[in-house]
């Protein structure tokens, strides 16, 4: 074994070690979101007229999904497993944005039109579902577009 292969092996080891430590941080953030989400769920059951608490609960749970997919992505052993976790992270981040829209709507005492929240709900629910059922939104191992941007299969850059 020459010096270059020893160096490459040690760099791979430390790279994997740092990705696992990032996964630990993500799991810690998920635990904080779980605590905050469950606390606001209890607040909602005590005061059901306050919709902000249930929306914030859903927002926290969507963050938990996102952190879980990111941590699983960093700990992936194969590229196929990594791509599936990336797709899950895209779906989860769509849910985060969706719940963020509704949280802002209720938190600001409905200062913008409800139609904007409904349009955001439709768009981000559709994107979240398409992130999981189609491979055109993300890179996949069997259909990767390294130099091309493929948007829903309709438009390529």
C-alpha atoms as a PDB file:
ATOM      1  CA  UNK A   1       0.000   0.000   0.000  1.00  0.00           C
ATOM      2  CA  UNK A   2       1.554   3.277  -1.089  1.00  0.00           C
ATOM      3  CA  UNK A   3       1.342   6.628   0.668  1.00  0.00           C
ATOM      4  CA  UNK A   4      -1.428   7.961  -1.620  1.00  0.00           C
ATOM      5  CA  UNK A   5      -3.780   5.073  -0.870  1.00  0.00           C
ATOM      6  CA  UNK A   6      -3.087   5.423   2.882  1.00  0.00           C
ATOM      7  CA  UNK A   7      -3.874   9.133   2.655  1.00  0.00           C
ATOM      8  CA  UNK A   8      -7.058   8.468   0.679  1.00  0.00           C
ATOM      9  CA  UNK A   9      -8.175   5.839   3.201  1.00  0.00           C
ATOM     10  CA  UNK A  10      -7.600   8.154   6.150  1.00  0.00           C
ATOM     11  CA  UNK A  11      -9.403  11.033   4.401  1.00  0.00           C
ATOM     12  CA  UNK A  12     -12.347   8.726   3.685  1.00  0.00           C
ATOM     13  CA  UNK A  13     -12.438   7.698   7.337  1.00  0.00           C
ATOM     14  CA  UNK A  14     -12.399  11.282   8.623  1.00  0.00           C
ATOM     15  CA  UNK A  15     -14.937  12.337   5.977  1.00  0.00           C
ATOM     16  CA  UNK A  16     -17.319   9.585   7.070  1.00  0.00           C
ATOM     17  CA  UNK A  17     -16.680  10.468  10.706  1.00  0.00           C
ATOM     18  CA  UNK A  18     -17.559  14.131  10.122  1.00  0.00           C
ATOM     19  CA  UNK A  19     -20.741  13.188   8.230  1.00  0.00           C
ATOM     20  CA  UNK A  20     -21.781  10.947  11.113  1.00  0.00           C
ATOM     21  CA  UNK A  21     -21.184  13.800  13.555  1.00  0.00           C
ATOM     22  CA  UNK A  22     -23.387  16.037  11.385  1.00  0.00           C
ATOM     23  CA  UNK A  23     -26.043  13.307  11.567  1.00  0.00           C
ATOM     24  CA  UNK A  24     -25.785  13.423  15.354  1.00  0.00           C
ATOM     25  CA  UNK A  25     -26.390  17.180  15.295  1.00  0.00           C
ATOM     26  CA  UNK A  26     -29.402  16.686  13.016  1.00  0.00           C
ATOM     27  CA  UNK A  27     -30.862  14.054  15.336  1.00  0.00           C
ATOM     28  CA  UNK A  28     -30.364  16.489  18.242  1.00  0.00           C
ATOM     29  CA  UNK A  29     -32.244  19.197  16.329  1.00  0.00           C
ATOM     30  CA  UNK A  30     -35.010  16.687  15.624  1.00  0.00           C
ATOM     31  CA  UNK A  31     -35.258  15.970  19.359  1.00  0.00           C
ATOM     32  CA  UNK A  32     -35.630  19.688  20.093  1.00  0.00           C
ATOM     33  CA  UNK A  33     -38.364  19.959  17.435  1.00  0.00           C
ATOM     34  CA  UNK A  34     -40.105  16.921  18.920  1.00  0.00           C
ATOM     35  CA  UNK A  35     -40.122  18.567  22.339  1.00  0.00           C
ATOM     36  CA  UNK A  36     -41.412  21.878  20.943  1.00  0.00           C
ATOM     37  CA  UNK A  37     -44.014  20.141  18.790  1.00  0.00           C
ATOM     38  CA  UNK A  38     -45.377  18.019  21.625  1.00  0.00           C
ATOM     39  CA  UNK A  39     -45.455  21.045  23.938  1.00  0.00           C
ATOM     40  CA  UNK A  40     -47.501  23.040  21.432  1.00  0.00           C
ATOM     41  CA  UNK A  41     -49.772  20.051  20.860  1.00  0.00           C
ATOM     42  CA  UNK A  42     -50.544  20.068  24.586  1.00  0.00           C
ATOM     43  CA  UNK A  43     -51.107  23.836  24.405  1.00  0.00           C
ATOM     44  CA  UNK A  44     -53.549  23.262  21.534  1.00  0.00           C
ATOM     45  CA  UNK A  45     -55.538  20.682  23.503  1.00  0.00           C
ATOM     46  CA  UNK A  46     -55.800  23.167  26.380  1.00  0.00           C
ATOM     47  CA  UNK A  47     -56.869  26.083  24.133  1.00  0.00           C
ATOM     48  CA  UNK A  48     -58.398  24.763  20.914  1.00  0.00           C
ATOM     49  CA  UNK A  49     -59.441  28.202  19.694  1.00  0.00           C
ATOM     50  CA  UNK A  50     -55.775  29.118  19.135  1.00  0.00           C
ATOM     51  CA  UNK A  51     -54.894  27.576  15.756  1.00  0.00           C
ATOM     52  CA  UNK A  52     -51.280  28.774  15.928  1.00  0.00           C
ATOM     53  CA  UNK A  53     -50.348  25.957  18.293  1.00  0.00           C
ATOM     54  CA  UNK A  54     -51.510  23.102  16.048  1.00  0.00           C
ATOM     55  CA  UNK A  55     -49.916  24.678  12.957  1.00  0.00           C
ATOM     56  CA  UNK A  56     -46.659  25.117  14.872  1.00  0.00           C
ATOM     57  CA  UNK A  57     -46.896  21.469  15.949  1.00  0.00           C
ATOM     58  CA  UNK A  58     -47.176  20.378  12.311  1.00  0.00           C
ATOM     59  CA  UNK A  59     -44.306  22.709  11.417  1.00  0.00           C
ATOM     60  CA  UNK A  60     -42.107  21.089  14.071  1.00  0.00           C
ATOM     61  CA  UNK A  61     -43.032  17.592  12.898  1.00  0.00           C
ATOM     62  CA  UNK A  62     -42.215  18.534   9.283  1.00  0.00           C
ATOM     63  CA  UNK A  63     -38.807  19.731  10.487  1.00  0.00           C
ATOM     64  CA  UNK A  64     -38.327  16.375  12.220  1.00  0.00           C
ATOM     65  CA  UNK A  65     -38.971  14.621   8.905  1.00  0.00           C
ATOM     66  CA  UNK A  66     -36.509  16.902   7.160  1.00  0.00           C
ATOM     67  CA  UNK A  67     -33.790  16.368   9.770  1.00  0.00           C
ATOM     68  CA  UNK A  68     -34.371  12.599   9.652  1.00  0.00           C
ATOM     69  CA  UNK A  69     -33.977  12.465   5.866  1.00  0.00           C
ATOM     70  CA  UNK A  70     -30.884  14.679   5.976  1.00  0.00           C
ATOM     71  CA  UNK A  71     -29.248  12.555   8.679  1.00  0.00           C
ATOM     72  CA  UNK A  72     -30.090   9.376   6.773  1.00  0.00           C
ATOM     73  CA  UNK A  73     -28.645  10.932   3.629  1.00  0.00           C
ATOM     74  CA  UNK A  74     -25.354  11.705   5.385  1.00  0.00           C
ATOM     75  CA  UNK A  75     -25.235   8.157   6.749  1.00  0.00           C
ATOM     76  CA  UNK A  76     -26.138   6.451   3.450  1.00  0.00           C
ATOM     77  CA  UNK A  77     -24.002   3.536   2.382  1.00  0.00           C
ATOM     78  CA  UNK A  78     -25.113   3.440  -1.282  1.00  0.00           C
ATOM     79  CA  UNK A  79     -25.929   6.116  -3.828  1.00  0.00           C
ATOM     80  CA  UNK A  80     -29.445   4.720  -4.335  1.00  0.00           C
ATOM     81  CA  UNK A  81     -30.141   5.051  -0.610  1.00  0.00           C
ATOM     82  CA  UNK A  82     -28.749   8.600  -0.684  1.00  0.00           C
ATOM     83  CA  UNK A  83     -30.969   9.586  -3.617  1.00  0.00           C
ATOM     84  CA  UNK A  84     -34.075   8.245  -1.895  1.00  0.00           C
ATOM     85  CA  UNK A  85     -33.226  10.270   1.210  1.00  0.00           C
ATOM     86  CA  UNK A  86     -32.697  13.389  -0.916  1.00  0.00           C
ATOM     87  CA  UNK A  87     -36.154  12.887  -2.422  1.00  0.00           C
ATOM     88  CA  UNK A  88     -37.596  12.539   1.070  1.00  0.00           C
ATOM     89  CA  UNK A  89     -35.798  15.721   2.164  1.00  0.00           C
ATOM     90  CA  UNK A  90     -37.303  17.608  -0.800  1.00  0.00           C
ATOM     91  CA  UNK A  91     -40.767  16.380   0.157  1.00  0.00           C
ATOM     92  CA  UNK A  92     -40.212  17.331   3.808  1.00  0.00           C
ATOM     93  CA  UNK A  93     -38.947  20.822   2.977  1.00  0.00           C
ATOM     94  CA  UNK A  94     -42.092  21.354   0.893  1.00  0.00           C
ATOM     95  CA  UNK A  95     -44.145  20.481   3.956  1.00  0.00           C
ATOM     96  CA  UNK A  96     -42.074  22.881   6.057  1.00  0.00           C
ATOM     97  CA  UNK A  97     -42.821  25.733   3.636  1.00  0.00           C
ATOM     98  CA  UNK A  98     -46.504  24.773   3.497  1.00  0.00           C
ATOM     99  CA  UNK A  99     -46.904  24.851   7.276  1.00  0.00           C
ATOM    100  CA  UNK A 100     -44.822  28.026   7.462  1.00  0.00           C
ATOM    101  CA  UNK A 101     -47.319  29.775   5.171  1.00  0.00           C
ATOM    102  CA  UNK A 102     -50.234  28.765   7.392  1.00  0.00           C
ATOM    103  CA  UNK A 103     -48.337  29.627  10.568  1.00  0.00           C
ATOM    104  CA  UNK A 104     -47.606  33.127   9.262  1.00  0.00           C
ATOM    105  CA  UNK A 105     -51.244  33.441   8.159  1.00  0.00           C
ATOM    106  CA  UNK A 106     -52.558  32.712  11.654  1.00  0.00           C
ATOM    107  CA  UNK A 107     -49.703  34.407  13.547  1.00  0.00           C
ATOM    108  CA  UNK A 108     -50.178  37.729  11.749  1.00  0.00           C
ATOM    109  CA  UNK A 109     -53.936  37.572  12.418  1.00  0.00           C
ATOM    110  CA  UNK A 110     -54.806  36.857   8.789  1.00  0.00           C
ATOM    111  CA  UNK A 111     -53.243  39.990   7.289  1.00  0.00           C
ATOM    112  CA  UNK A 112     -53.050  38.478   3.796  1.00  0.00           C
ATOM    113  CA  UNK A 113     -55.737  36.816   1.733  1.00  0.00           C
ATOM    114  CA  UNK A 114     -56.657  33.252   2.524  1.00  0.00           C
ATOM    115  CA  UNK A 115     -56.469  32.474  -1.209  1.00  0.00           C
ATOM    116  CA  UNK A 116     -52.690  32.961  -1.036  1.00  0.00           C
ATOM    117  CA  UNK A 117     -52.497  30.325   1.691  1.00  0.00           C
ATOM    118  CA  UNK A 118     -54.700  27.993  -0.364  1.00  0.00           C
ATOM    119  CA  UNK A 119     -52.568  28.451  -3.481  1.00  0.00           C
ATOM    120  CA  UNK A 120     -49.437  27.763  -1.411  1.00  0.00           C
ATOM    121  CA  UNK A 121     -51.107  24.668   0.024  1.00  0.00           C
ATOM    122  CA  UNK A 122     -51.914  23.321  -3.434  1.00  0.00           C
ATOM    123  CA  UNK A 123     -48.473  24.081  -4.870  1.00  0.00           C
ATOM    124  CA  UNK A 124     -46.416  22.703  -2.002  1.00  0.00           C
ATOM    125  CA  UNK A 125     -48.631  19.654  -1.461  1.00  0.00           C
ATOM    126  CA  UNK A 126     -48.278  18.860  -5.152  1.00  0.00           C
ATOM    127  CA  UNK A 127     -44.523  19.366  -5.037  1.00  0.00           C
ATOM    128  CA  UNK A 128     -44.225  17.242  -1.909  1.00  0.00           C
ATOM    129  CA  UNK A 129     -46.189  14.401  -3.503  1.00  0.00           C
ATOM    130  CA  UNK A 130     -44.308  14.645  -6.797  1.00  0.00           C
ATOM    131  CA  UNK A 131     -40.994  14.586  -4.941  1.00  0.00           C
ATOM    132  CA  UNK A 132     -41.839  11.100  -3.730  1.00  0.00           C
ATOM    133  CA  UNK A 133     -43.591   9.590  -6.754  1.00  0.00           C
ATOM    134  CA  UNK A 134     -41.619  10.929  -9.711  1.00  0.00           C
ATOM    135  CA  UNK A 135     -37.922  10.946 -10.469  1.00  0.00           C
ATOM    136  CA  UNK A 136     -38.038  14.027 -12.682  1.00  0.00           C
ATOM    137  CA  UNK A 137     -37.706  16.481  -9.798  1.00  0.00           C
ATOM    138  CA  UNK A 138     -34.465  15.167  -8.384  1.00  0.00           C
ATOM    139  CA  UNK A 139     -31.348  13.447  -9.545  1.00  0.00           C
ATOM    140  CA  UNK A 140     -31.554   9.679  -9.606  1.00  0.00           C
ATOM    141  CA  UNK A 141     -28.823   7.125 -10.189  1.00  0.00           C
ATOM    142  CA  UNK A 142     -30.442   5.704 -13.324  1.00  0.00           C
ATOM    143  CA  UNK A 143     -31.606   9.045 -14.755  1.00  0.00           C
ATOM    144  CA  UNK A 144     -29.087  11.650 -13.628  1.00  0.00           C
ATOM    145  CA  UNK A 145     -28.778  14.919 -15.461  1.00  0.00           C
ATOM    146  CA  UNK A 146     -25.426  16.207 -14.356  1.00  0.00           C
ATOM    147  CA  UNK A 147     -25.272  19.084 -16.850  1.00  0.00           C
ATOM    148  CA  UNK A 148     -29.008  19.341 -17.554  1.00  0.00           C
ATOM    149  CA  UNK A 149     -31.823  20.747 -15.480  1.00  0.00           C
ATOM    150  CA  UNK A 150     -35.002  18.733 -15.916  1.00  0.00           C
ATOM    151  CA  UNK A 151     -38.173  20.354 -14.593  1.00  0.00           C
ATOM    152  CA  UNK A 152     -41.149  17.943 -14.428  1.00  0.00           C
ATOM    153  CA  UNK A 153     -40.042  16.448 -17.740  1.00  0.00           C
ATOM    154  CA  UNK A 154     -41.380  19.476 -19.626  1.00  0.00           C
ATOM    155  CA  UNK A 155     -38.421  21.801 -19.759  1.00  0.00           C
ATOM    156  CA  UNK A 156     -34.736  20.985 -19.987  1.00  0.00           C
ATOM    157  CA  UNK A 157     -31.877  23.416 -19.576  1.00  0.00           C
END
